């Protein structure tokens, strides 16, 4: 299941990040988004969603959300 299929307000554990873009992997890692970390979808919006990772809230687009496997 990808992040786009998640339910709002529920906590999930990230299983993997599926992308061939090393820069994107590094960016996600800097946010604390990596395998084994918990993530919560705060809200879905047109074109993306707002998520909570550790103590931060981030807006990510749909393309990025599809790369995050729960």
C-alpha atoms as a PDB file:
ATOM      1  CA  UNK A   1       0.000   0.000   0.000  1.00  0.00           C
ATOM      2  CA  UNK A   2       1.299   3.471  -0.827  1.00  0.00           C
ATOM      3  CA  UNK A   3       0.922   6.591   1.253  1.00  0.00           C
ATOM      4  CA  UNK A   4      -1.879   7.754  -1.077  1.00  0.00           C
ATOM      5  CA  UNK A   5      -3.976   4.760   0.028  1.00  0.00           C
ATOM      6  CA  UNK A   6      -3.527   5.487   3.744  1.00  0.00           C
ATOM      7  CA  UNK A   7      -6.268   6.749   6.043  1.00  0.00           C
ATOM      8  CA  UNK A   8      -6.085  10.200   7.588  1.00  0.00           C
ATOM      9  CA  UNK A   9      -5.121  10.295  11.244  1.00  0.00           C
ATOM     10  CA  UNK A  10      -3.765   6.738  11.392  1.00  0.00           C
ATOM     11  CA  UNK A  11      -0.119   5.960  12.149  1.00  0.00           C
ATOM     12  CA  UNK A  12       1.769   3.676   9.747  1.00  0.00           C
ATOM     13  CA  UNK A  13       5.257   2.202   9.601  1.00  0.00           C
ATOM     14  CA  UNK A  14       7.214   2.849   6.407  1.00  0.00           C
ATOM     15  CA  UNK A  15       8.223  -0.445   4.756  1.00  0.00           C
ATOM     16  CA  UNK A  16      10.265   1.007   1.916  1.00  0.00           C
ATOM     17  CA  UNK A  17      10.882   3.933  -0.397  1.00  0.00           C
ATOM     18  CA  UNK A  18      10.580   2.945  -4.058  1.00  0.00           C
ATOM     19  CA  UNK A  19      12.465   5.408  -6.195  1.00  0.00           C
ATOM     20  CA  UNK A  20      15.539   5.265  -8.405  1.00  0.00           C
ATOM     21  CA  UNK A  21      16.297   8.943  -7.755  1.00  0.00           C
ATOM     22  CA  UNK A  22      19.165   9.109  -5.241  1.00  0.00           C
ATOM     23  CA  UNK A  23      18.557  12.824  -4.634  1.00  0.00           C
ATOM     24  CA  UNK A  24      14.941  12.095  -3.718  1.00  0.00           C
ATOM     25  CA  UNK A  25      16.040   9.308  -1.365  1.00  0.00           C
ATOM     26  CA  UNK A  26      18.455  11.687   0.347  1.00  0.00           C
ATOM     27  CA  UNK A  27      15.756  14.346   0.676  1.00  0.00           C
ATOM     28  CA  UNK A  28      13.295  11.903   2.257  1.00  0.00           C
ATOM     29  CA  UNK A  29      15.988  10.596   4.595  1.00  0.00           C
ATOM     30  CA  UNK A  30      16.731  14.161   5.731  1.00  0.00           C
ATOM     31  CA  UNK A  31      13.046  14.502   6.682  1.00  0.00           C
ATOM     32  CA  UNK A  32      13.246  11.298   8.719  1.00  0.00           C
ATOM     33  CA  UNK A  33      11.312   9.309   6.124  1.00  0.00           C
ATOM     34  CA  UNK A  34      12.960   5.878   5.861  1.00  0.00           C
ATOM     35  CA  UNK A  35      12.180   2.192   6.480  1.00  0.00           C
ATOM     36  CA  UNK A  36      10.990   1.443   9.988  1.00  0.00           C
ATOM     37  CA  UNK A  37       9.970   5.029  10.780  1.00  0.00           C
ATOM     38  CA  UNK A  38       6.369   5.928  11.637  1.00  0.00           C
ATOM     39  CA  UNK A  39       4.360   8.328   9.476  1.00  0.00           C
ATOM     40  CA  UNK A  40       0.878   9.784   9.912  1.00  0.00           C
ATOM     41  CA  UNK A  41      -1.257  11.358   7.187  1.00  0.00           C
ATOM     42  CA  UNK A  42      -2.692  14.571   8.619  1.00  0.00           C
ATOM     43  CA  UNK A  43      -4.770  15.535   5.565  1.00  0.00           C
ATOM     44  CA  UNK A  44      -5.148  14.851   1.868  1.00  0.00           C
ATOM     45  CA  UNK A  45      -5.268  17.840  -0.457  1.00  0.00           C
ATOM     46  CA  UNK A  46      -5.557  18.274  -4.192  1.00  0.00           C
ATOM     47  CA  UNK A  47      -2.139  17.385  -5.563  1.00  0.00           C
ATOM     48  CA  UNK A  48      -0.688  15.971  -2.349  1.00  0.00           C
ATOM     49  CA  UNK A  49      -0.958  15.424   1.363  1.00  0.00           C
ATOM     50  CA  UNK A  50       0.304  16.693   4.691  1.00  0.00           C
ATOM     51  CA  UNK A  51       2.167  14.157   6.816  1.00  0.00           C
ATOM     52  CA  UNK A  52       3.699  14.016  10.258  1.00  0.00           C
ATOM     53  CA  UNK A  53       7.130  12.388  10.552  1.00  0.00           C
ATOM     54  CA  UNK A  54       8.798  12.448  13.973  1.00  0.00           C
ATOM     55  CA  UNK A  55       8.107  15.968  15.312  1.00  0.00           C
ATOM     56  CA  UNK A  56       7.643  17.680  11.931  1.00  0.00           C
ATOM     57  CA  UNK A  57       4.815  18.257   9.495  1.00  0.00           C
ATOM     58  CA  UNK A  58       5.487  18.235   5.772  1.00  0.00           C
ATOM     59  CA  UNK A  59       3.505  18.742   2.573  1.00  0.00           C
ATOM     60  CA  UNK A  60       4.385  16.214  -0.096  1.00  0.00           C
ATOM     61  CA  UNK A  61       3.059  15.829  -3.607  1.00  0.00           C
ATOM     62  CA  UNK A  62       1.302  12.766  -5.012  1.00  0.00           C
ATOM     63  CA  UNK A  63       4.370  11.558  -6.914  1.00  0.00           C
ATOM     64  CA  UNK A  64       6.411  11.489  -3.734  1.00  0.00           C
ATOM     65  CA  UNK A  65       3.552   9.891  -1.769  1.00  0.00           C
ATOM     66  CA  UNK A  66       3.388   7.047  -4.309  1.00  0.00           C
ATOM     67  CA  UNK A  67       7.051   6.240  -3.640  1.00  0.00           C
ATOM     68  CA  UNK A  68       6.430   5.686   0.084  1.00  0.00           C
ATOM     69  CA  UNK A  69       5.326   2.101   0.715  1.00  0.00           C
ATOM     70  CA  UNK A  70       3.526   1.280   3.969  1.00  0.00           C
END
